[in-house]
Amino acid sequence: MLDWYEKDHLNAKEGPVDAERQRYAIAPLKLHYRDKTINQVDIETSRAYRAARTRGLIGERGRKVKDSTVRRELGVLMAAANHALDWKRIKHDDMPKVELPTEEGAEDKKPWLTKAAIRFIFENADEDLRDFAKMAYYWGSRRNAVEGLRASQVNLQHGTVDLHPPGSRRTKKRKPIVPIYPQIRSVVERRMIAAEAVAGGWLFPARSHHADRPYAEFYTAFKTFCDDNDIVAVDGQPGDTPWPHLLRHSRATHMLMDGESIYKVAKLLGDTTATVEKVYGHHSVEFLATQSTVEVA
């Protein structure tokens, strides 16, 4: 599997900029996992690999490495597995279960929802909440940017959406221009048609009268749906019900877990790479650049 990844991805004409670094990571992985199949890689073997590398038992001249190096190397293993899965060389049941060591000093973990929970929301929420959740998730957006979205911010021809409302004050919480992903193209198009009949062109017009807010609010609806369906967050506090901002955390987490570039995640979120590394770094294999976006539905 590692050979496939090196041949198809690292040696490709438009391969990643850090191909040499990834090739260096493959060598100790082969030494440690040489007698195992990919579906035998699990949390226990991940911990054994970490112990061997940090003690200098494998690799060049017994050199001891830090946890950050182990994270990068296990990240290459996951990237290779994702590559093999994309090319149908392995099945979902064969995917490894890798534990990445947390670097010392990492910030407390942010709560996030599993892909299964995200899929459940997409498949079972009512139309308005489902459409809101899909946009907020795929754009990694803050709640108010999607709730207050207007038709004038959407460019269907170019396939982009400017999440920053025209004329509004810019703050530290940047709202970037995001792509209309294929997974939500039909949702955006349907919402644009509906917006034509609404004063102000809101994609999510208020369902009840609000004196100071002509667009919908999904905070309560999202929490109620999660509470009614026993949806809980990973790394959340006991008893906490998920809230809409976790869609943003989940998107970033899923992208980094699947080997997306940390720069790509930062650009989508409108954050700096330093912020993304600080908040989500315990999930990150940021030095990798994969070829496809994360699939949920």
C-alpha atoms as a PDB file:
ATOM      1  CA  MET A   1       0.000   0.000   0.000  1.00  0.00           C
ATOM      2  CA  LEU A   2       2.849   2.374   0.830  1.00  0.00           C
ATOM      3  CA  ASP A   3       4.500   1.464  -2.480  1.00  0.00           C
ATOM      4  CA  TRP A   4       1.291   2.296  -4.360  1.00  0.00           C
ATOM      5  CA  TYR A   5       1.120   5.659  -2.616  1.00  0.00           C
ATOM      6  CA  GLU A   6       4.739   6.499  -3.392  1.00  0.00           C
ATOM      7  CA  LYS A   7       4.453   5.413  -7.037  1.00  0.00           C
ATOM      8  CA  ASP A   8       1.062   6.991  -7.826  1.00  0.00           C
ATOM      9  CA  HIS A   9       1.130  10.117  -5.654  1.00  0.00           C
ATOM     10  CA  LEU A  10       4.640  11.049  -4.554  1.00  0.00           C
ATOM     11  CA  ASN A  11       6.237  10.323  -7.932  1.00  0.00           C
ATOM     12  CA  ALA A  12       3.463  12.010  -9.912  1.00  0.00           C
ATOM     13  CA  LYS A  13       4.372  15.049 -12.015  1.00  0.00           C
ATOM     14  CA  GLU A  14       2.188  17.279  -9.821  1.00  0.00           C
ATOM     15  CA  GLY A  15       2.925  15.527  -6.562  1.00  0.00           C
ATOM     16  CA  PRO A  16       3.006  17.244  -3.137  1.00  0.00           C
ATOM     17  CA  VAL A  17       5.648  19.877  -2.471  1.00  0.00           C
ATOM     18  CA  ASP A  18       6.969  17.850   0.463  1.00  0.00           C
ATOM     19  CA  ALA A  19       7.283  14.531  -1.404  1.00  0.00           C
ATOM     20  CA  GLU A  20      10.810  13.915  -0.140  1.00  0.00           C
ATOM     21  CA  ARG A  21       9.686  14.372   3.447  1.00  0.00           C
ATOM     22  CA  GLN A  22       6.922  11.834   2.934  1.00  0.00           C
ATOM     23  CA  ARG A  23       9.325   9.337   1.345  1.00  0.00           C
ATOM     24  CA  TYR A  24      11.521   9.702   4.413  1.00  0.00           C
ATOM     25  CA  ALA A  25       8.478   8.879   6.577  1.00  0.00           C
ATOM     26  CA  ILE A  26       7.682   5.740   4.584  1.00  0.00           C
ATOM     27  CA  ALA A  27      10.990   4.015   5.402  1.00  0.00           C
ATOM     28  CA  PRO A  28      10.432   3.473   9.166  1.00  0.00           C
ATOM     29  CA  LEU A  29       6.778   2.610   8.529  1.00  0.00           C
ATOM     30  CA  LYS A  30       7.865  -0.242   6.263  1.00  0.00           C
ATOM     31  CA  LEU A  31      10.377  -1.458   8.838  1.00  0.00           C
ATOM     32  CA  HIS A  32       7.791  -1.564  11.608  1.00  0.00           C
ATOM     33  CA  TYR A  33       4.709  -2.764   9.699  1.00  0.00           C
ATOM     34  CA  ARG A  34       6.414  -4.998   7.116  1.00  0.00           C
ATOM     35  CA  ASP A  35       4.745  -8.222   8.340  1.00  0.00           C
ATOM     36  CA  LYS A  36       1.242  -6.724   8.714  1.00  0.00           C
ATOM     37  CA  THR A  37      -1.656  -6.100   6.374  1.00  0.00           C
ATOM     38  CA  ILE A  38      -3.304  -2.682   6.468  1.00  0.00           C
ATOM     39  CA  ASN A  39      -6.391  -3.913   8.333  1.00  0.00           C
ATOM     40  CA  GLN A  40      -4.127  -5.123  11.150  1.00  0.00           C
ATOM     41  CA  VAL A  41      -3.020  -1.566  11.891  1.00  0.00           C
ATOM     42  CA  ASP A  42      -4.905  -0.372  14.966  1.00  0.00           C
ATOM     43  CA  ILE A  43      -4.510   1.766  18.078  1.00  0.00           C
ATOM     44  CA  GLU A  44      -2.346  -0.854  19.789  1.00  0.00           C
ATOM     45  CA  THR A  45       0.091  -1.045  16.863  1.00  0.00           C
ATOM     46  CA  SER A  46       0.080   2.766  16.592  1.00  0.00           C
ATOM     47  CA  ARG A  47       1.215   2.992  20.194  1.00  0.00           C
ATOM     48  CA  ALA A  48       3.842   0.316  19.595  1.00  0.00           C
ATOM     49  CA  TYR A  49       5.130   2.291  16.614  1.00  0.00           C
ATOM     50  CA  ARG A  50       5.336   5.458  18.707  1.00  0.00           C
ATOM     51  CA  ALA A  51       7.225   3.640  21.444  1.00  0.00           C
ATOM     52  CA  ALA A  52       9.692   2.149  18.964  1.00  0.00           C
ATOM     53  CA  ARG A  53      10.359   5.443  17.171  1.00  0.00           C
ATOM     54  CA  THR A  54      10.670   7.622  20.264  1.00  0.00           C
ATOM     55  CA  ARG A  55      13.102   5.092  21.803  1.00  0.00           C
ATOM     56  CA  GLY A  56      15.201   4.882  18.652  1.00  0.00           C
ATOM     57  CA  LEU A  57      14.462   1.201  18.002  1.00  0.00           C
ATOM     58  CA  ILE A  58      13.681   1.695  14.306  1.00  0.00           C
ATOM     59  CA  GLY A  59      14.958   4.175  11.748  1.00  0.00           C
ATOM     60  CA  GLU A  60      18.378   5.469  10.865  1.00  0.00           C
ATOM     61  CA  ARG A  61      21.160   4.656  13.341  1.00  0.00           C
ATOM     62  CA  GLY A  62      18.731   4.333  16.239  1.00  0.00           C
ATOM     63  CA  ARG A  63      17.854   8.026  16.219  1.00  0.00           C
ATOM     64  CA  LYS A  64      15.133   8.930  18.697  1.00  0.00           C
ATOM     65  CA  VAL A  65      12.338  11.123  17.323  1.00  0.00           C
ATOM     66  CA  LYS A  66       9.684  13.348  18.870  1.00  0.00           C
ATOM     67  CA  ASP A  67       5.929  12.782  18.912  1.00  0.00           C
ATOM     68  CA  SER A  68       5.496  15.383  16.172  1.00  0.00           C
ATOM     69  CA  THR A  69       7.567  13.183  13.828  1.00  0.00           C
ATOM     70  CA  VAL A  70       5.528  10.114  14.746  1.00  0.00           C
ATOM     71  CA  ARG A  71       2.348  12.053  13.987  1.00  0.00           C
ATOM     72  CA  ARG A  72       3.639  12.978  10.544  1.00  0.00           C
ATOM     73  CA  GLU A  73       4.700   9.412   9.781  1.00  0.00           C
ATOM     74  CA  LEU A  74       1.410   7.867  10.883  1.00  0.00           C
ATOM     75  CA  GLY A  75      -0.264  10.599   8.857  1.00  0.00           C
ATOM     76  CA  VAL A  76       1.521   9.322   5.760  1.00  0.00           C
ATOM     77  CA  LEU A  77       0.201   5.848   6.564  1.00  0.00           C
ATOM     78  CA  MET A  78      -3.361   7.212   6.699  1.00  0.00           C
ATOM     79  CA  ALA A  79      -2.848   9.173   3.483  1.00  0.00           C
ATOM     80  CA  ALA A  80      -1.644   5.996   1.772  1.00  0.00           C
ATOM     81  CA  ALA A  81      -4.702   4.125   3.035  1.00  0.00           C
ATOM     82  CA  ASN A  82      -7.036   6.863   1.763  1.00  0.00           C
ATOM     83  CA  HIS A  83      -5.261   6.745  -1.591  1.00  0.00           C
ATOM     84  CA  ALA A  84      -5.719   2.963  -1.819  1.00  0.00           C
ATOM     85  CA  LEU A  85      -9.373   3.333  -0.856  1.00  0.00           C
ATOM     86  CA  ASP A  86      -9.942   6.000  -3.533  1.00  0.00           C
ATOM     87  CA  TRP A  87      -8.518   3.625  -6.134  1.00  0.00           C
ATOM     88  CA  LYS A  88     -10.619   0.720  -4.774  1.00  0.00           C
ATOM     89  CA  ARG A  89      -7.540  -1.310  -3.911  1.00  0.00           C
ATOM     90  CA  ILE A  90      -8.872  -1.802  -0.407  1.00  0.00           C
ATOM     91  CA  LYS A  91     -12.354  -1.679   1.115  1.00  0.00           C
ATOM     92  CA  HIS A  92     -13.733   0.508   3.924  1.00  0.00           C
ATOM     93  CA  ASP A  93     -13.492  -2.461   6.295  1.00  0.00           C
ATOM     94  CA  ASP A  94      -9.740  -2.623   5.597  1.00  0.00           C
ATOM     95  CA  MET A  95      -9.045   0.943   6.698  1.00  0.00           C
ATOM     96  CA  PRO A  96      -6.558   1.240   9.583  1.00  0.00           C
ATOM     97  CA  LYS A  97      -7.480   2.689  12.954  1.00  0.00           C
ATOM     98  CA  VAL A  98      -4.558   4.956  13.759  1.00  0.00           C
ATOM     99  CA  GLU A  99      -3.989   6.896  16.970  1.00  0.00           C
ATOM    100  CA  LEU A 100      -1.926  10.053  16.486  1.00  0.00           C
ATOM    101  CA  PRO A 101       0.055  11.118  19.569  1.00  0.00           C
ATOM    102  CA  THR A 102      -0.884  14.524  20.913  1.00  0.00           C
ATOM    103  CA  GLU A 103       1.943  17.018  21.003  1.00  0.00           C
ATOM    104  CA  GLU A 104       2.893  18.449  24.367  1.00  0.00           C
ATOM    105  CA  GLY A 105       1.219  21.776  25.005  1.00  0.00           C
ATOM    106  CA  ALA A 106      -1.627  21.206  22.554  1.00  0.00           C
ATOM    107  CA  GLU A 107      -4.757  23.205  23.342  1.00  0.00           C
ATOM    108  CA  ASP A 108      -7.724  21.452  24.914  1.00  0.00           C
ATOM    109  CA  LYS A 109      -9.644  19.508  22.324  1.00  0.00           C
ATOM    110  CA  LYS A 110     -12.617  21.115  20.633  1.00  0.00           C
ATOM    111  CA  PRO A 111     -15.831  19.055  20.459  1.00  0.00           C
ATOM    112  CA  TRP A 112     -16.837  17.678  17.070  1.00  0.00           C
ATOM    113  CA  LEU A 113     -19.374  15.359  15.459  1.00  0.00           C
ATOM    114  CA  THR A 114     -18.557  12.092  13.738  1.00  0.00           C
ATOM    115  CA  LYS A 115     -19.251  11.621  10.035  1.00  0.00           C
ATOM    116  CA  ALA A 116     -22.048   9.223  10.997  1.00  0.00           C
ATOM    117  CA  ALA A 117     -23.703  11.953  13.081  1.00  0.00           C
ATOM    118  CA  ILE A 118     -23.341  14.471  10.246  1.00  0.00           C
ATOM    119  CA  ARG A 119     -24.900  12.010   7.804  1.00  0.00           C
ATOM    120  CA  PHE A 120     -27.798  11.416  10.205  1.00  0.00           C
ATOM    121  CA  ILE A 121     -28.506  15.154  10.370  1.00  0.00           C
ATOM    122  CA  PHE A 122     -28.394  15.439   6.575  1.00  0.00           C
ATOM    123  CA  GLU A 123     -30.785  12.519   6.159  1.00  0.00           C
ATOM    124  CA  ASN A 124     -33.287  13.191   8.942  1.00  0.00           C
ATOM    125  CA  ALA A 125     -33.541  16.915   9.714  1.00  0.00           C
ATOM    126  CA  ASP A 126     -36.341  18.967   8.195  1.00  0.00           C
ATOM    127  CA  GLU A 127     -35.538  20.723   4.916  1.00  0.00           C
ATOM    128  CA  ASP A 128     -34.561  24.112   6.330  1.00  0.00           C
ATOM    129  CA  LEU A 129     -32.338  22.709   9.074  1.00  0.00           C
ATOM    130  CA  ARG A 130     -30.834  20.145   6.697  1.00  0.00           C
ATOM    131  CA  ASP A 131     -29.961  22.795   4.093  1.00  0.00           C
ATOM    132  CA  PHE A 132     -28.472  25.057   6.760  1.00  0.00           C
ATOM    133  CA  ALA A 133     -26.429  22.166   8.203  1.00  0.00           C
ATOM    134  CA  LYS A 134     -25.071  21.150   4.786  1.00  0.00           C
ATOM    135  CA  MET A 135     -23.931  24.676   3.942  1.00  0.00           C
ATOM    136  CA  ALA A 136     -22.445  25.329   7.391  1.00  0.00           C
ATOM    137  CA  TYR A 137     -20.611  21.997   7.359  1.00  0.00           C
ATOM    138  CA  TYR A 138     -19.151  22.021   3.849  1.00  0.00           C
ATOM    139  CA  TRP A 139     -18.083  25.663   4.172  1.00  0.00           C
ATOM    140  CA  GLY A 140     -16.808  25.240   7.726  1.00  0.00           C
ATOM    141  CA  SER A 141     -18.812  28.366   8.395  1.00  0.00           C
ATOM    142  CA  ARG A 142     -19.994  30.141  11.485  1.00  0.00           C
ATOM    143  CA  ARG A 143     -23.740  29.972  12.024  1.00  0.00           C
ATOM    144  CA  ASN A 144     -24.632  33.610  11.377  1.00  0.00           C
ATOM    145  CA  ALA A 145     -22.796  33.695   8.038  1.00  0.00           C
ATOM    146  CA  VAL A 146     -25.125  31.018   6.650  1.00  0.00           C
ATOM    147  CA  GLU A 147     -28.290  32.169   8.405  1.00  0.00           C
ATOM    148  CA  GLY A 148     -27.909  35.694   7.005  1.00  0.00           C
ATOM    149  CA  LEU A 149     -26.854  34.666   3.498  1.00  0.00           C
ATOM    150  CA  ARG A 150     -28.409  36.668   0.632  1.00  0.00           C
ATOM    151  CA  ALA A 151     -28.719  35.941  -3.054  1.00  0.00           C
ATOM    152  CA  SER A 152     -26.382  38.839  -3.899  1.00  0.00           C
ATOM    153  CA  GLN A 153     -23.532  36.978  -2.190  1.00  0.00           C
ATOM    154  CA  VAL A 154     -23.915  33.900  -4.414  1.00  0.00           C
ATOM    155  CA  ASN A 155     -22.307  33.577  -7.842  1.00  0.00           C
ATOM    156  CA  LEU A 156     -23.634  30.381  -9.399  1.00  0.00           C
ATOM    157  CA  GLN A 157     -21.762  30.993 -12.649  1.00  0.00           C
ATOM    158  CA  HIS A 158     -18.379  31.115 -10.942  1.00  0.00           C
ATOM    159  CA  GLY A 159     -19.376  28.575  -8.300  1.00  0.00           C
ATOM    160  CA  THR A 160     -18.514  30.774  -5.315  1.00  0.00           C
ATOM    161  CA  VAL A 161     -20.175  32.352  -2.305  1.00  0.00           C
ATOM    162  CA  ASP A 162     -18.873  35.398  -0.450  1.00  0.00           C
ATOM    163  CA  LEU A 163     -19.731  34.773   3.189  1.00  0.00           C
ATOM    164  CA  HIS A 164     -18.987  38.399   4.078  1.00  0.00           C
ATOM    165  CA  PRO A 165     -22.182  40.476   3.660  1.00  0.00           C
ATOM    166  CA  PRO A 166     -21.706  43.560   1.446  1.00  0.00           C
ATOM    167  CA  GLY A 167     -21.273  46.757   3.432  1.00  0.00           C
ATOM    168  CA  SER A 168     -20.848  45.056   6.796  1.00  0.00           C
ATOM    169  CA  ARG A 169     -17.912  45.764   9.085  1.00  0.00           C
ATOM    170  CA  ARG A 170     -14.986  43.365   8.828  1.00  0.00           C
ATOM    171  CA  THR A 171     -13.893  41.815  12.115  1.00  0.00           C
ATOM    172  CA  LYS A 172     -11.204  39.372  13.228  1.00  0.00           C
ATOM    173  CA  LYS A 173     -13.682  36.574  12.514  1.00  0.00           C
ATOM    174  CA  ARG A 174     -13.019  36.543   8.796  1.00  0.00           C
ATOM    175  CA  LYS A 175     -15.737  35.333   6.432  1.00  0.00           C
ATOM    176  CA  PRO A 176     -14.047  34.083   3.269  1.00  0.00           C
ATOM    177  CA  ILE A 177     -15.162  33.362  -0.277  1.00  0.00           C
ATOM    178  CA  VAL A 178     -15.978  29.659  -0.448  1.00  0.00           C
ATOM    179  CA  PRO A 179     -16.663  27.250  -3.318  1.00  0.00           C
ATOM    180  CA  ILE A 180     -20.063  25.772  -4.066  1.00  0.00           C
ATOM    181  CA  TYR A 181     -19.087  22.136  -3.653  1.00  0.00           C
ATOM    182  CA  PRO A 182     -20.881  19.555  -5.826  1.00  0.00           C
ATOM    183  CA  GLN A 183     -22.384  18.056  -2.666  1.00  0.00           C
ATOM    184  CA  ILE A 184     -24.367  21.244  -1.981  1.00  0.00           C
ATOM    185  CA  ARG A 185     -24.827  22.709  -5.470  1.00  0.00           C
ATOM    186  CA  SER A 186     -28.462  21.617  -5.704  1.00  0.00           C
ATOM    187  CA  VAL A 187     -29.143  22.979  -2.216  1.00  0.00           C
ATOM    188  CA  VAL A 188     -27.770  26.414  -3.107  1.00  0.00           C
ATOM    189  CA  GLU A 189     -29.655  26.489  -6.416  1.00  0.00           C
ATOM    190  CA  ARG A 190     -32.938  25.596  -4.715  1.00  0.00           C
ATOM    191  CA  ARG A 191     -32.390  28.225  -2.047  1.00  0.00           C
ATOM    192  CA  MET A 192     -31.594  30.833  -4.705  1.00  0.00           C
ATOM    193  CA  ILE A 193     -34.913  30.173  -6.444  1.00  0.00           C
ATOM    194  CA  ALA A 194     -36.766  30.559  -3.150  1.00  0.00           C
ATOM    195  CA  ALA A 195     -34.847  33.763  -2.363  1.00  0.00           C
ATOM    196  CA  GLU A 196     -36.211  35.435  -5.514  1.00  0.00           C
ATOM    197  CA  ALA A 197     -39.664  35.562  -3.907  1.00  0.00           C
ATOM    198  CA  VAL A 198     -38.422  37.047  -0.630  1.00  0.00           C
ATOM    199  CA  ALA A 199     -37.839  40.708   0.093  1.00  0.00           C
ATOM    200  CA  GLY A 200     -34.134  41.162   0.728  1.00  0.00           C
ATOM    201  CA  GLY A 201     -33.197  37.952  -1.092  1.00  0.00           C
ATOM    202  CA  TRP A 202     -32.590  35.894   2.044  1.00  0.00           C
ATOM    203  CA  LEU A 203     -31.747  32.245   1.405  1.00  0.00           C
ATOM    204  CA  PHE A 204     -33.167  31.424   4.821  1.00  0.00           C
ATOM    205  CA  PRO A 205     -36.008  33.906   5.452  1.00  0.00           C
ATOM    206  CA  ALA A 206     -37.464  34.041   8.937  1.00  0.00           C
ATOM    207  CA  ARG A 207     -40.219  31.520   9.533  1.00  0.00           C
ATOM    208  CA  SER A 208     -41.777  33.774  12.134  1.00  0.00           C
ATOM    209  CA  HIS A 209     -41.789  37.542  12.613  1.00  0.00           C
ATOM    210  CA  HIS A 210     -38.645  39.075  14.099  1.00  0.00           C
ATOM    211  CA  ALA A 211     -38.631  42.832  14.557  1.00  0.00           C
ATOM    212  CA  ASP A 212     -34.868  43.132  14.075  1.00  0.00           C
ATOM    213  CA  ARG A 213     -34.029  39.968  12.141  1.00  0.00           C
ATOM    214  CA  PRO A 214     -35.645  39.055   8.797  1.00  0.00           C
ATOM    215  CA  TYR A 215     -33.785  35.759   8.425  1.00  0.00           C
ATOM    216  CA  ALA A 216     -34.014  32.397  10.187  1.00  0.00           C
ATOM    217  CA  GLU A 217     -32.205  31.340  13.344  1.00  0.00           C
ATOM    218  CA  PHE A 218     -31.115  27.705  13.691  1.00  0.00           C
ATOM    219  CA  TYR A 219     -29.374  27.575  17.056  1.00  0.00           C
ATOM    220  CA  THR A 220     -32.351  26.243  19.000  1.00  0.00           C
ATOM    221  CA  ALA A 221     -33.585  23.994  16.180  1.00  0.00           C
ATOM    222  CA  PHE A 222     -30.165  22.353  15.833  1.00  0.00           C
ATOM    223  CA  LYS A 223     -29.770  21.731  19.567  1.00  0.00           C
ATOM    224  CA  THR A 224     -33.326  20.375  19.811  1.00  0.00           C
ATOM    225  CA  PHE A 225     -32.742  17.968  16.906  1.00  0.00           C
ATOM    226  CA  CYS A 226     -29.513  16.689  18.456  1.00  0.00           C
ATOM    227  CA  ASP A 227     -31.143  16.339  21.877  1.00  0.00           C
ATOM    228  CA  ASP A 228     -34.181  14.499  20.476  1.00  0.00           C
ATOM    229  CA  ASN A 229     -31.957  12.063  18.577  1.00  0.00           C
ATOM    230  CA  ASP A 230     -29.317  11.502  21.270  1.00  0.00           C
ATOM    231  CA  ILE A 231     -26.519  12.983  19.164  1.00  0.00           C
ATOM    232  CA  VAL A 232     -23.439  13.724  21.262  1.00  0.00           C
ATOM    233  CA  ALA A 233     -20.107  15.304  20.399  1.00  0.00           C
ATOM    234  CA  VAL A 234     -16.702  13.673  20.543  1.00  0.00           C
ATOM    235  CA  ASP A 235     -14.464  15.424  23.107  1.00  0.00           C
ATOM    236  CA  GLY A 236     -17.505  17.294  24.410  1.00  0.00           C
ATOM    237  CA  GLN A 237     -18.341  17.956  28.041  1.00  0.00           C
ATOM    238  CA  PRO A 238     -20.688  15.421  29.699  1.00  0.00           C
ATOM    239  CA  GLY A 239     -24.302  16.512  29.343  1.00  0.00           C
ATOM    240  CA  ASP A 240     -23.611  19.130  26.634  1.00  0.00           C
ATOM    241  CA  THR A 241     -25.952  19.135  23.645  1.00  0.00           C
ATOM    242  CA  PRO A 242     -24.218  19.863  20.301  1.00  0.00           C
ATOM    243  CA  TRP A 243     -24.740  23.372  18.904  1.00  0.00           C
ATOM    244  CA  PRO A 244     -24.345  24.629  15.288  1.00  0.00           C
ATOM    245  CA  HIS A 245     -20.730  25.812  15.653  1.00  0.00           C
ATOM    246  CA  LEU A 246     -19.733  22.173  15.959  1.00  0.00           C
ATOM    247  CA  LEU A 247     -20.427  21.837  12.228  1.00  0.00           C
ATOM    248  CA  ARG A 248     -17.402  24.107  11.705  1.00  0.00           C
ATOM    249  CA  HIS A 249     -15.264  22.116  14.155  1.00  0.00           C
ATOM    250  CA  SER A 250     -16.380  18.878  12.512  1.00  0.00           C
ATOM    251  CA  ARG A 251     -15.527  19.998   8.981  1.00  0.00           C
ATOM    252  CA  ALA A 252     -12.016  21.056   9.995  1.00  0.00           C
ATOM    253  CA  THR A 253     -11.503  17.881  12.002  1.00  0.00           C
ATOM    254  CA  HIS A 254     -12.681  15.572   9.216  1.00  0.00           C
ATOM    255  CA  MET A 255     -10.540  17.312   6.594  1.00  0.00           C
ATOM    256  CA  LEU A 256      -7.395  17.085   8.709  1.00  0.00           C
ATOM    257  CA  MET A 257      -8.081  13.486   9.712  1.00  0.00           C
ATOM    258  CA  ASP A 258      -8.411  12.613   6.033  1.00  0.00           C
ATOM    259  CA  GLY A 259      -5.068  14.204   5.212  1.00  0.00           C
ATOM    260  CA  GLU A 260      -6.151  17.539   3.731  1.00  0.00           C
ATOM    261  CA  SER A 261      -3.521  20.280   3.724  1.00  0.00           C
ATOM    262  CA  ILE A 262      -3.621  22.504   6.788  1.00  0.00           C
ATOM    263  CA  TYR A 263      -3.333  25.471   4.407  1.00  0.00           C
ATOM    264  CA  LYS A 264      -6.476  24.373   2.567  1.00  0.00           C
ATOM    265  CA  VAL A 265      -8.370  24.038   5.847  1.00  0.00           C
ATOM    266  CA  ALA A 266      -7.204  27.459   7.016  1.00  0.00           C
ATOM    267  CA  LYS A 267      -8.289  29.079   3.747  1.00  0.00           C
ATOM    268  CA  LEU A 268     -11.740  27.499   3.922  1.00  0.00           C
ATOM    269  CA  LEU A 269     -12.263  28.554   7.538  1.00  0.00           C
ATOM    270  CA  GLY A 270     -10.837  32.033   7.042  1.00  0.00           C
ATOM    271  CA  ASP A 271      -8.306  31.369   9.798  1.00  0.00           C
ATOM    272  CA  THR A 272      -4.520  31.444   9.914  1.00  0.00           C
ATOM    273  CA  THR A 273      -2.588  28.204   9.681  1.00  0.00           C
ATOM    274  CA  ALA A 274      -1.281  28.885  13.188  1.00  0.00           C
ATOM    275  CA  THR A 275      -4.838  29.047  14.540  1.00  0.00           C
ATOM    276  CA  VAL A 276      -5.856  25.856  12.760  1.00  0.00           C
ATOM    277  CA  GLU A 277      -2.783  24.048  14.083  1.00  0.00           C
ATOM    278  CA  LYS A 278      -3.423  25.319  17.604  1.00  0.00           C
ATOM    279  CA  VAL A 279      -7.126  24.420  17.668  1.00  0.00           C
ATOM    280  CA  TYR A 280      -7.180  21.239  15.574  1.00  0.00           C
ATOM    281  CA  GLY A 281      -3.523  20.169  15.539  1.00  0.00           C
ATOM    282  CA  HIS A 282      -4.131  16.951  17.474  1.00  0.00           C
ATOM    283  CA  HIS A 283      -6.062  15.677  14.437  1.00  0.00           C
ATOM    284  CA  SER A 284      -3.725  17.115  11.842  1.00  0.00           C
ATOM    285  CA  VAL A 285      -1.525  15.544   9.214  1.00  0.00           C
ATOM    286  CA  GLU A 286      -1.114  19.036   7.828  1.00  0.00           C
ATOM    287  CA  PHE A 287       1.894  18.389   5.632  1.00  0.00           C
ATOM    288  CA  LEU A 288      -0.166  16.203   3.309  1.00  0.00           C
ATOM    289  CA  ALA A 289      -2.195  17.367   0.321  1.00  0.00           C
ATOM    290  CA  THR A 290      -4.833  14.951  -0.894  1.00  0.00           C
ATOM    291  CA  GLN A 291      -6.629  14.982  -4.205  1.00  0.00           C
ATOM    292  CA  SER A 292     -10.267  15.085  -3.136  1.00  0.00           C
ATOM    293  CA  THR A 293     -12.554  16.784  -0.662  1.00  0.00           C
ATOM    294  CA  VAL A 294     -14.083  14.939   2.264  1.00  0.00           C
ATOM    295  CA  GLU A 295     -17.216  13.016   1.329  1.00  0.00           C
ATOM    296  CA  VAL A 296     -20.115  12.885   3.776  1.00  0.00           C
ATOM    297  CA  ALA A 297     -23.209  12.725   1.581  1.00  0.00           C
END
